[in-house]
């Protein structure tokens, strides 16, 4: 019986929660303060601390720069089978991001997400390649609360 409890404790299968509260109408990310806020109109429903990419300062400019984009984007997809527990896609790159990267002769990168942590995570600071990483239990709530199409503002 102890072996079963140990095995169950090691598994980190995502919990797909059923959220019945107020609709999240916006996400606001404060990179400097390291807070992600979920809003319903003008009311904060929840706030979470997070980690960023390995080069957190400034707007993402190109593939591999380790930065997180800044500006207004949208949640454009949800992945319940993410290697990072659960993930919500951010619509980076937009038209302006692609044009700026092209002007530098570089690819803009992509696949920017709000996500949880993988099993290998050791608590390092700013370990992603540009994503916004929260604890796995927190991404379960975010995943349940946020719909595709929700606007997200990522501020410096």
C-alpha atoms as a PDB file:
ATOM      1  CA  UNK A   1       0.000   0.000   0.000  1.00  0.00           C
ATOM      2  CA  UNK A   2       2.877   2.401   0.754  1.00  0.00           C
ATOM      3  CA  UNK A   3       4.252   1.750  -2.756  1.00  0.00           C
ATOM      4  CA  UNK A   4       0.975   2.752  -4.359  1.00  0.00           C
ATOM      5  CA  UNK A   5       0.853   6.012  -2.414  1.00  0.00           C
ATOM      6  CA  UNK A   6       4.462   6.750  -3.387  1.00  0.00           C
ATOM      7  CA  UNK A   7       3.784   6.115  -7.065  1.00  0.00           C
ATOM      8  CA  UNK A   8       0.658   8.218  -7.011  1.00  0.00           C
ATOM      9  CA  UNK A   9       2.596  11.024  -5.339  1.00  0.00           C
ATOM     10  CA  UNK A  10       5.217  11.023  -8.133  1.00  0.00           C
ATOM     11  CA  UNK A  11       2.689  11.424 -10.913  1.00  0.00           C
ATOM     12  CA  UNK A  12       1.924  14.980 -11.956  1.00  0.00           C
ATOM     13  CA  UNK A  13      -0.975  14.420 -14.319  1.00  0.00           C
ATOM     14  CA  UNK A  14      -2.695  17.711 -15.070  1.00  0.00           C
ATOM     15  CA  UNK A  15      -5.934  18.384 -13.259  1.00  0.00           C
ATOM     16  CA  UNK A  16      -8.568  19.747 -15.629  1.00  0.00           C
ATOM     17  CA  UNK A  17     -10.611  21.834 -13.241  1.00  0.00           C
ATOM     18  CA  UNK A  18     -14.176  22.989 -13.837  1.00  0.00           C
ATOM     19  CA  UNK A  19     -14.344  26.746 -13.261  1.00  0.00           C
ATOM     20  CA  UNK A  20     -17.768  28.308 -12.749  1.00  0.00           C
ATOM     21  CA  UNK A  21     -16.787  31.805 -11.579  1.00  0.00           C
ATOM     22  CA  UNK A  22     -16.763  35.147 -13.393  1.00  0.00           C
ATOM     23  CA  UNK A  23     -15.306  35.105 -16.904  1.00  0.00           C
ATOM     24  CA  UNK A  24     -11.694  36.253 -17.215  1.00  0.00           C
ATOM     25  CA  UNK A  25     -11.871  39.298 -19.496  1.00  0.00           C
ATOM     26  CA  UNK A  26      -8.146  40.157 -19.484  1.00  0.00           C
ATOM     27  CA  UNK A  27      -4.739  38.981 -18.329  1.00  0.00           C
ATOM     28  CA  UNK A  28      -2.180  41.575 -17.249  1.00  0.00           C
ATOM     29  CA  UNK A  29       1.450  40.531 -16.827  1.00  0.00           C
ATOM     30  CA  UNK A  30       3.891  42.792 -14.977  1.00  0.00           C
ATOM     31  CA  UNK A  31       7.333  41.465 -15.922  1.00  0.00           C
ATOM     32  CA  UNK A  32       9.312  43.639 -13.498  1.00  0.00           C
ATOM     33  CA  UNK A  33       7.075  42.841 -10.519  1.00  0.00           C
ATOM     34  CA  UNK A  34       6.670  39.197 -11.615  1.00  0.00           C
ATOM     35  CA  UNK A  35       2.902  39.109 -11.216  1.00  0.00           C
ATOM     36  CA  UNK A  36       0.285  37.761 -13.606  1.00  0.00           C
ATOM     37  CA  UNK A  37      -3.219  39.065 -12.843  1.00  0.00           C
ATOM     38  CA  UNK A  38      -6.487  37.582 -14.105  1.00  0.00           C
ATOM     39  CA  UNK A  39      -9.237  40.203 -14.399  1.00  0.00           C
ATOM     40  CA  UNK A  40     -12.990  40.181 -14.749  1.00  0.00           C
ATOM     41  CA  UNK A  41     -13.653  43.711 -15.955  1.00  0.00           C
ATOM     42  CA  UNK A  42     -11.892  45.887 -13.288  1.00  0.00           C
ATOM     43  CA  UNK A  43     -11.734  43.208 -10.588  1.00  0.00           C
ATOM     44  CA  UNK A  44      -8.661  41.036 -10.018  1.00  0.00           C
ATOM     45  CA  UNK A  45      -9.826  37.432  -9.717  1.00  0.00           C
ATOM     46  CA  UNK A  46      -6.400  35.911  -9.066  1.00  0.00           C
ATOM     47  CA  UNK A  47      -2.709  36.817  -9.134  1.00  0.00           C
ATOM     48  CA  UNK A  48       0.283  34.538  -9.615  1.00  0.00           C
ATOM     49  CA  UNK A  49       4.073  34.879  -9.381  1.00  0.00           C
ATOM     50  CA  UNK A  50       6.054  33.563 -12.349  1.00  0.00           C
ATOM     51  CA  UNK A  51       9.425  32.950 -13.986  1.00  0.00           C
ATOM     52  CA  UNK A  52      10.442  34.248 -17.414  1.00  0.00           C
ATOM     53  CA  UNK A  53      13.013  33.510 -20.075  1.00  0.00           C
ATOM     54  CA  UNK A  54      16.734  33.455 -19.402  1.00  0.00           C
ATOM     55  CA  UNK A  55      17.050  37.084 -20.688  1.00  0.00           C
ATOM     56  CA  UNK A  56      13.934  38.664 -19.170  1.00  0.00           C
ATOM     57  CA  UNK A  57      14.558  42.360 -19.874  1.00  0.00           C
ATOM     58  CA  UNK A  58      13.109  43.908 -23.009  1.00  0.00           C
ATOM     59  CA  UNK A  59      10.734  42.822 -25.762  1.00  0.00           C
ATOM     60  CA  UNK A  60      11.275  39.578 -27.639  1.00  0.00           C
ATOM     61  CA  UNK A  61      12.964  40.423 -30.954  1.00  0.00           C
ATOM     62  CA  UNK A  62      14.064  37.140 -32.464  1.00  0.00           C
ATOM     63  CA  UNK A  63      14.123  33.381 -32.141  1.00  0.00           C
ATOM     64  CA  UNK A  64      16.328  32.201 -29.274  1.00  0.00           C
ATOM     65  CA  UNK A  65      16.830  35.538 -27.518  1.00  0.00           C
ATOM     66  CA  UNK A  66      15.302  34.264 -24.240  1.00  0.00           C
ATOM     67  CA  UNK A  67      12.992  37.254 -23.939  1.00  0.00           C
ATOM     68  CA  UNK A  68       9.269  37.397 -23.312  1.00  0.00           C
ATOM     69  CA  UNK A  69       7.264  39.611 -25.687  1.00  0.00           C
ATOM     70  CA  UNK A  70       5.780  42.893 -24.469  1.00  0.00           C
ATOM     71  CA  UNK A  71       2.545  44.425 -25.684  1.00  0.00           C
ATOM     72  CA  UNK A  72      -0.990  43.240 -26.354  1.00  0.00           C
ATOM     73  CA  UNK A  73      -1.568  39.705 -27.541  1.00  0.00           C
ATOM     74  CA  UNK A  74      -4.312  37.076 -27.235  1.00  0.00           C
ATOM     75  CA  UNK A  75      -4.602  33.606 -25.808  1.00  0.00           C
ATOM     76  CA  UNK A  76      -4.766  31.680 -29.073  1.00  0.00           C
ATOM     77  CA  UNK A  77      -4.748  28.025 -27.966  1.00  0.00           C
ATOM     78  CA  UNK A  78      -4.805  25.696 -24.973  1.00  0.00           C
ATOM     79  CA  UNK A  79      -2.768  22.514 -24.701  1.00  0.00           C
ATOM     80  CA  UNK A  80      -3.868  19.930 -22.121  1.00  0.00           C
ATOM     81  CA  UNK A  81      -1.010  17.632 -23.225  1.00  0.00           C
ATOM     82  CA  UNK A  82       1.873  20.072 -22.754  1.00  0.00           C
ATOM     83  CA  UNK A  83       5.293  18.827 -21.671  1.00  0.00           C
ATOM     84  CA  UNK A  84       5.040  21.725 -19.187  1.00  0.00           C
ATOM     85  CA  UNK A  85       1.961  20.317 -17.394  1.00  0.00           C
ATOM     86  CA  UNK A  86      -0.670  22.531 -19.109  1.00  0.00           C
ATOM     87  CA  UNK A  87      -0.152  25.514 -21.400  1.00  0.00           C
ATOM     88  CA  UNK A  88      -1.975  28.474 -22.907  1.00  0.00           C
ATOM     89  CA  UNK A  89      -0.570  29.867 -26.151  1.00  0.00           C
ATOM     90  CA  UNK A  90       0.150  33.571 -26.580  1.00  0.00           C
ATOM     91  CA  UNK A  91      -0.372  34.976 -30.090  1.00  0.00           C
ATOM     92  CA  UNK A  92       3.264  36.113 -30.510  1.00  0.00           C
ATOM     93  CA  UNK A  93       4.510  36.924 -33.128  1.00  0.00           C
ATOM     94  CA  UNK A  94       2.032  39.461 -34.459  1.00  0.00           C
ATOM     95  CA  UNK A  95       2.442  41.341 -37.742  1.00  0.00           C
ATOM     96  CA  UNK A  96       4.664  44.040 -36.184  1.00  0.00           C
ATOM     97  CA  UNK A  97       6.876  41.414 -34.502  1.00  0.00           C
ATOM     98  CA  UNK A  98       7.360  39.554 -37.798  1.00  0.00           C
ATOM     99  CA  UNK A  99       8.170  42.796 -39.635  1.00  0.00           C
ATOM    100  CA  UNK A 100      10.702  43.906 -36.988  1.00  0.00           C
ATOM    101  CA  UNK A 101      12.467  40.531 -37.059  1.00  0.00           C
ATOM    102  CA  UNK A 102      12.478  40.485 -40.874  1.00  0.00           C
ATOM    103  CA  UNK A 103      14.061  43.957 -40.906  1.00  0.00           C
ATOM    104  CA  UNK A 104      16.916  42.478 -38.844  1.00  0.00           C
ATOM    105  CA  UNK A 105      17.099  39.450 -41.137  1.00  0.00           C
ATOM    106  CA  UNK A 106      16.102  37.153 -38.249  1.00  0.00           C
ATOM    107  CA  UNK A 107      13.187  34.819 -37.544  1.00  0.00           C
ATOM    108  CA  UNK A 108      10.849  36.177 -34.824  1.00  0.00           C
ATOM    109  CA  UNK A 109      10.483  32.909 -32.928  1.00  0.00           C
ATOM    110  CA  UNK A 110       7.174  31.740 -31.575  1.00  0.00           C
ATOM    111  CA  UNK A 111       5.518  29.163 -29.334  1.00  0.00           C
ATOM    112  CA  UNK A 112       5.296  31.521 -26.377  1.00  0.00           C
ATOM    113  CA  UNK A 113       3.076  30.177 -23.593  1.00  0.00           C
ATOM    114  CA  UNK A 114       1.851  30.543 -20.063  1.00  0.00           C
ATOM    115  CA  UNK A 115       2.709  27.107 -18.704  1.00  0.00           C
ATOM    116  CA  UNK A 116       3.558  25.008 -15.693  1.00  0.00           C
ATOM    117  CA  UNK A 117       6.824  23.327 -14.868  1.00  0.00           C
ATOM    118  CA  UNK A 118       8.301  20.113 -16.237  1.00  0.00           C
ATOM    119  CA  UNK A 119       9.324  17.207 -14.030  1.00  0.00           C
ATOM    120  CA  UNK A 120      13.002  18.199 -14.331  1.00  0.00           C
ATOM    121  CA  UNK A 121      12.380  21.681 -12.890  1.00  0.00           C
ATOM    122  CA  UNK A 122      14.762  22.423 -10.010  1.00  0.00           C
ATOM    123  CA  UNK A 123      13.469  25.833  -8.962  1.00  0.00           C
ATOM    124  CA  UNK A 124      15.858  27.866 -11.107  1.00  0.00           C
ATOM    125  CA  UNK A 125      15.064  31.525 -11.775  1.00  0.00           C
ATOM    126  CA  UNK A 126      14.238  32.583 -15.340  1.00  0.00           C
ATOM    127  CA  UNK A 127      14.710  29.214 -16.959  1.00  0.00           C
ATOM    128  CA  UNK A 128      12.268  29.351 -19.900  1.00  0.00           C
ATOM    129  CA  UNK A 129      13.130  30.368 -23.463  1.00  0.00           C
ATOM    130  CA  UNK A 130      10.649  33.262 -23.328  1.00  0.00           C
ATOM    131  CA  UNK A 131       7.512  31.798 -21.804  1.00  0.00           C
ATOM    132  CA  UNK A 132       5.739  32.692 -18.562  1.00  0.00           C
ATOM    133  CA  UNK A 133       6.043  29.791 -16.114  1.00  0.00           C
ATOM    134  CA  UNK A 134       3.912  29.317 -13.000  1.00  0.00           C
ATOM    135  CA  UNK A 135       3.603  26.427 -10.561  1.00  0.00           C
ATOM    136  CA  UNK A 136       1.679  23.404 -11.857  1.00  0.00           C
ATOM    137  CA  UNK A 137      -1.190  23.801  -9.378  1.00  0.00           C
ATOM    138  CA  UNK A 138      -1.520  27.434 -10.490  1.00  0.00           C
ATOM    139  CA  UNK A 139      -1.559  26.687 -14.208  1.00  0.00           C
ATOM    140  CA  UNK A 140      -4.421  24.262 -13.530  1.00  0.00           C
ATOM    141  CA  UNK A 141      -6.523  27.195 -12.264  1.00  0.00           C
ATOM    142  CA  UNK A 142      -5.374  29.520 -15.064  1.00  0.00           C
ATOM    143  CA  UNK A 143      -6.142  26.848 -17.674  1.00  0.00           C
ATOM    144  CA  UNK A 144      -9.665  26.417 -16.262  1.00  0.00           C
ATOM    145  CA  UNK A 145     -10.371  30.148 -15.928  1.00  0.00           C
ATOM    146  CA  UNK A 146      -9.033  31.530 -19.233  1.00  0.00           C
ATOM    147  CA  UNK A 147     -10.681  31.044 -22.626  1.00  0.00           C
ATOM    148  CA  UNK A 148      -9.102  31.180 -26.058  1.00  0.00           C
ATOM    149  CA  UNK A 149      -9.502  34.753 -27.305  1.00  0.00           C
ATOM    150  CA  UNK A 150      -8.773  36.398 -23.938  1.00  0.00           C
ATOM    151  CA  UNK A 151      -6.562  39.485 -24.362  1.00  0.00           C
ATOM    152  CA  UNK A 152      -3.221  39.522 -22.546  1.00  0.00           C
ATOM    153  CA  UNK A 153      -1.159  42.646 -21.898  1.00  0.00           C
ATOM    154  CA  UNK A 154       2.493  41.955 -21.155  1.00  0.00           C
ATOM    155  CA  UNK A 155       4.104  45.013 -19.575  1.00  0.00           C
ATOM    156  CA  UNK A 156       7.799  45.637 -18.935  1.00  0.00           C
END
